[in-house]
Protein backbone atom coordinates (compact mmCIF):
# COMPACT_ATOMS: atom_id res chain seq x y z
CA MET A 1 88.59 105.30 116.67
CA VAL A 2 87.29 105.47 120.18
CA ASP A 3 83.56 105.05 120.47
CA LYS A 4 81.92 107.21 123.09
CA GLU A 5 78.27 107.65 123.83
CA GLY A 6 76.60 110.74 125.13
CA ALA A 7 73.33 112.54 125.04
CA TYR A 8 72.57 115.72 123.18
CA ASP A 9 69.84 116.98 120.94
CA SER A 10 66.49 116.02 122.47
CA GLY A 11 67.81 113.25 124.70
CA LYS A 12 68.65 110.76 121.94
CA VAL A 13 71.84 108.74 122.29
CA HIS A 14 74.44 109.74 119.73
CA MET A 15 77.95 108.66 118.94
CA TYR A 16 80.91 110.96 119.19
CA GLU A 17 84.27 110.08 117.69
CA GLU A 18 87.55 111.64 116.67
CA PRO A 19 88.74 109.56 113.70
CA THR A 20 92.15 111.25 113.76
CA SER A 21 92.71 110.36 117.44
CA GLY A 22 92.90 114.03 118.37
CA GLU A 23 95.70 114.84 115.92
CA VAL A 24 95.57 118.18 114.14
CA VAL A 25 95.03 117.80 110.40
CA ASP A 26 96.98 120.21 108.18
CA LEU A 27 93.98 121.37 106.15
CA SER A 28 91.60 124.31 106.22
CA PRO A 29 87.99 123.60 107.28
CA PRO A 30 86.72 123.66 103.66
CA GLN A 31 89.50 121.31 102.52
CA ALA A 32 88.81 118.88 105.39
CA LEU A 33 85.08 118.93 104.68
CA ASP A 34 85.69 118.42 100.94
CA ARG A 35 87.64 115.26 101.76
CA ALA A 36 85.00 114.09 104.24
CA GLU A 37 82.24 114.72 101.70
CA HIS A 38 84.06 112.78 98.98
CA PHE A 39 84.63 109.87 101.38
CA LEU A 40 81.07 109.77 102.73
CA VAL A 41 79.35 110.13 99.35
CA GLY A 42 81.48 107.19 98.21
CA GLN A 43 80.11 105.22 101.18
CA GLY A 44 76.48 105.79 100.17
CA TYR A 45 75.66 108.93 102.14
CA VAL A 46 74.01 112.04 100.71
CA VAL A 47 74.79 115.59 101.79
CA VAL A 48 71.87 117.30 103.51
CA ARG A 49 73.67 120.38 104.86
CA ARG A 50 77.06 122.03 104.81
CA THR A 51 78.34 125.09 106.64
CA ALA A 52 81.83 126.60 106.91
CA THR A 53 82.85 124.04 109.54
CA THR A 54 80.27 121.21 109.47
CA LEU A 55 79.02 118.62 107.02
CA THR A 56 75.79 116.71 107.64
CA VAL A 57 75.04 113.55 105.67
CA GLU A 58 72.34 110.88 105.77
CA ARG A 59 72.56 107.25 104.76
CA GLU A 60 70.98 106.85 101.32
CA GLY A 61 68.34 104.17 100.78
CA PHE A 62 67.87 103.57 104.50
CA GLU A 63 64.77 101.66 105.51
CA GLY A 64 64.57 101.96 109.28
CA ALA A 65 62.78 99.91 111.86
CA ALA A 66 59.22 100.76 112.77
CA GLY A 67 59.09 103.89 114.89
CA GLN A 68 62.57 105.12 113.93
CA GLN A 69 62.71 108.80 113.04
CA GLY A 70 64.34 109.54 109.66
CA ALA A 71 67.51 108.29 108.07
CA PRO A 72 70.69 107.86 110.14
CA LYS A 73 72.82 111.02 110.16
CA VAL A 74 76.52 111.70 110.50
CA ILE A 75 77.91 115.19 111.21
CA VAL A 76 81.58 115.89 110.51
CA MET A 77 83.05 118.97 112.18
CA ALA A 78 86.32 120.61 111.15
CA VAL A 79 87.27 122.56 114.26
CA PRO A 80 89.88 125.27 113.49
CA GLN A 81 92.93 125.24 115.77
CA PRO A 82 94.75 128.36 117.05
CA TYR A 83 98.03 127.62 115.23
CA GLY A 84 96.52 126.31 112.00
CA GLY A 85 94.89 123.13 110.85
CA VAL A 86 91.73 121.50 112.18
CA ARG A 87 90.60 118.72 114.48
CA ILE A 88 88.07 116.38 112.90
CA LYS A 89 85.14 115.39 115.08
CA VAL A 90 82.25 113.15 114.11
CA ARG A 91 78.80 113.00 115.69
CA GLY A 92 75.55 111.44 114.69
CA ASN A 93 73.14 108.61 115.22
CA ASP A 94 74.36 106.17 112.56
CA ARG A 95 76.08 103.86 115.00
CA GLU A 96 75.53 100.84 112.73
CA GLY A 97 76.88 102.55 109.63
CA MET A 98 79.94 103.87 111.46
CA HIS A 99 80.67 100.44 112.91
CA GLU A 100 80.34 98.76 109.49
CA ARG A 101 82.75 101.30 107.97
CA GLN A 102 85.19 101.53 110.89
CA GLY A 103 88.13 100.17 108.85
CA LEU A 104 87.42 102.60 106.00
CA TRP A 105 87.18 105.53 108.45
CA LYS A 106 90.55 104.51 109.89
CA LEU A 107 92.19 104.40 106.45
CA TRP A 108 90.62 107.73 105.51
CA ALA A 109 91.86 109.37 108.71
CA GLU A 110 95.36 107.89 108.39
CA ASN A 111 95.70 109.43 104.93
CA LEU A 112 94.88 112.97 106.03
CA PRO A 113 97.94 115.25 106.24
CA LYS A 114 98.89 115.68 109.91
CA ARG A 115 100.16 119.03 111.12
CA LYS A 116 103.78 119.05 112.30
CA HIS A 117 104.34 120.72 115.68
């Protein structure tokens, strides 16, 4: 997973990653989000919002530093591709949690069905 930083959403620094290294996953958006939800809930996150193409989770039981706003969030996006399948993109502000679970994210992504060209 390549770690990139950028700014969006009120000037806060957020991570942006593609756990599948840009490969197209051979799933529909709901199927991809179901798998992401199962994985993240198993890692101690709770679902706070889900749409047709995005899943937003927060780290459960988080006790942040003084002055930190809310629990760390992760947003998984299943971006539909023109010839089928989706690209998985991850954004959020839980840099620490993503780093701690980097190996698990890699295993999860490796086990997703990749679309053949």
